Amino acid sequence: VRLVESGGGLAQAGGSLRLSCAASGSIGSINVMGWYRQAPGKQRELVAAITSGGSTNYADSVKGRFTISRDNAKNTVTLQMNSLKPEDTAVYYCNVQGVYVLWYNYWGQGTQVTVSS
């Protein structure tokens, strides 16, 4: 399975960024697609996730500011990040979970998001 992330970069506080992730390869049926983040010295945490049926889950810290969406036909997941804050600065990782013979859980390589005050 290959996960290709795009987007990220530098934004000012109050600005917006958009992250995208495309999954390819022997992915079978993807159940959950999501984004996690890890700031320096902190544990990786869930930012947002979305199921194949469209159910979403957001971290409290991003509710109302971030929106996750997915295209099941293209096996892509997008995270629209608005009203960015300096505390959103982290490496963001795409995550996919699903079944192809067996259950799998794959991670992208990570993309840096930096928000300046």
Protein backbone atom coordinates (compact mmCIF):
# COMPACT_ATOMS: atom_id res chain seq x y z
CA VAL A 1 0.00 0.00 0.00
CA ARG A 2 1.27 3.41 -0.93
CA LEU A 3 0.08 6.62 0.70
CA VAL A 4 1.00 9.87 -1.03
CA GLU A 5 0.45 13.01 1.00
CA SER A 6 0.36 16.53 -0.39
CA GLY A 7 -0.29 19.97 0.94
CA GLY A 8 0.96 21.37 4.19
CA GLY A 9 3.62 24.02 4.50
CA LEU A 10 3.67 27.39 6.20
CA ALA A 11 0.66 29.53 7.09
CA GLN A 12 -0.04 32.50 9.29
CA ALA A 13 -2.36 32.28 12.24
CA GLY A 14 -5.91 32.56 11.01
CA GLY A 15 -4.99 31.20 7.62
CA SER A 16 -5.86 27.96 5.85
CA LEU A 17 -4.11 24.92 4.50
CA ARG A 18 -5.32 21.80 2.79
CA LEU A 19 -3.87 18.31 3.13
CA SER A 20 -4.59 15.47 0.76
CA CYS A 21 -3.69 11.81 0.85
CA ALA A 22 -4.11 9.23 -1.90
CA ALA A 23 -3.97 5.51 -1.24
CA SER A 24 -3.01 2.98 -3.89
CA GLY A 25 -1.92 -0.62 -4.16
CA SER A 26 -3.47 -3.68 -2.52
CA ILE A 27 -5.88 -1.71 -0.38
CA GLY A 28 -9.02 -3.84 -0.72
CA SER A 29 -11.74 -2.19 1.32
CA ILE A 30 -10.68 0.92 3.22
CA ASN A 31 -12.72 1.35 6.38
CA VAL A 32 -11.25 4.41 8.04
CA MET A 33 -9.12 7.21 6.62
CA GLY A 34 -7.73 9.85 8.89
CA TRP A 35 -5.13 12.36 9.86
CA TYR A 36 -2.95 12.35 12.94
CA ARG A 37 -0.37 14.87 14.04
CA GLN A 38 2.71 14.91 16.19
CA ALA A 39 4.26 18.05 17.59
CA PRO A 40 7.83 18.07 18.93
CA GLY A 41 8.00 16.38 22.32
CA LYS A 42 4.40 15.24 22.17
CA GLN A 43 2.64 12.01 21.35
CA ARG A 44 0.93 11.45 18.04
CA GLU A 45 -2.72 12.34 18.30
CA LEU A 46 -5.83 11.91 16.20
CA VAL A 47 -6.88 15.04 14.35
CA ALA A 48 -9.80 13.72 12.33
CA ALA A 49 -11.04 10.48 10.83
CA ILE A 50 -13.79 9.45 8.46
CA THR A 51 -15.35 6.08 7.77
CA SER A 52 -16.37 4.70 4.41
CA GLY A 53 -19.94 5.59 5.34
CA GLY A 54 -19.03 9.20 5.99
CA SER A 55 -19.07 9.23 9.78
CA THR A 56 -16.50 11.64 11.14
CA ASN A 57 -14.58 12.08 14.36
CA TYR A 58 -12.62 15.18 15.30
CA ALA A 59 -10.27 16.13 18.08
CA ASP A 60 -11.91 18.71 20.32
CA SER A 61 -9.12 21.15 19.54
CA VAL A 62 -9.99 21.28 15.83
CA LYS A 63 -13.77 21.02 15.86
CA GLY A 64 -15.34 23.83 13.89
CA ARG A 65 -12.04 24.69 12.19
CA PHE A 66 -11.01 21.53 10.32
CA THR A 67 -13.09 19.48 7.91
CA ILE A 68 -12.26 15.98 6.74
CA SER A 69 -13.67 14.47 3.57
CA ARG A 70 -12.97 11.47 1.39
CA ASP A 71 -13.57 10.21 -2.10
CA ASN A 72 -14.18 6.48 -1.87
CA ALA A 73 -13.89 5.99 -5.62
CA LYS A 74 -10.44 7.60 -5.70
CA ASN A 75 -9.30 6.39 -2.27
CA THR A 76 -8.39 9.89 -1.22
CA VAL A 77 -8.86 11.80 2.00
CA THR A 78 -8.61 15.55 2.42
CA LEU A 79 -8.25 17.72 5.50
CA GLN A 80 -9.27 21.34 5.09
CA MET A 81 -7.73 23.36 7.90
CA ASN A 82 -9.11 26.84 8.55
CA SER A 83 -8.52 29.38 11.29
CA LEU A 84 -5.13 27.87 11.93
CA LYS A 85 -3.41 28.46 15.24
CA PRO A 86 0.28 28.22 16.17
CA GLU A 87 -0.58 25.18 18.28
CA ASP A 88 -1.61 23.38 15.10
CA THR A 89 2.07 23.24 14.15
CA ALA A 90 3.06 19.60 13.80
CA VAL A 91 3.90 16.85 11.38
CA TYR A 92 0.63 15.53 9.99
CA TYR A 93 0.31 11.86 9.07
CA CYS A 94 -2.25 10.21 6.84
CA ASN A 95 -3.63 6.93 8.17
CA VAL A 96 -5.73 4.26 6.48
CA GLN A 97 -7.25 1.17 8.03
CA GLY A 98 -9.06 -1.55 6.17
CA VAL A 99 -9.14 -5.12 5.02
CA TYR A 100 -7.23 -6.87 2.29
CA VAL A 101 -7.22 -10.54 3.28
CA LEU A 102 -6.28 -9.30 6.72
CA TRP A 103 -6.88 -6.08 8.61
CA TYR A 104 -4.24 -3.44 7.95
CA ASN A 105 -3.19 -0.08 9.34
CA TYR A 106 -0.87 2.06 7.21
CA TRP A 107 0.77 5.45 7.71
CA GLY A 108 1.95 8.11 5.31
CA GLN A 109 5.41 9.61 5.53
CA GLY A 110 4.16 12.79 7.17
CA THR A 111 3.94 16.39 6.04
CA GLN A 112 4.99 19.43 8.03
CA VAL A 113 2.46 22.11 8.92
CA THR A 114 3.84 25.25 10.49
CA VAL A 115 1.63 28.08 11.68
CA SER A 116 3.27 31.37 12.55
CA SER A 117 1.79 33.86 14.97
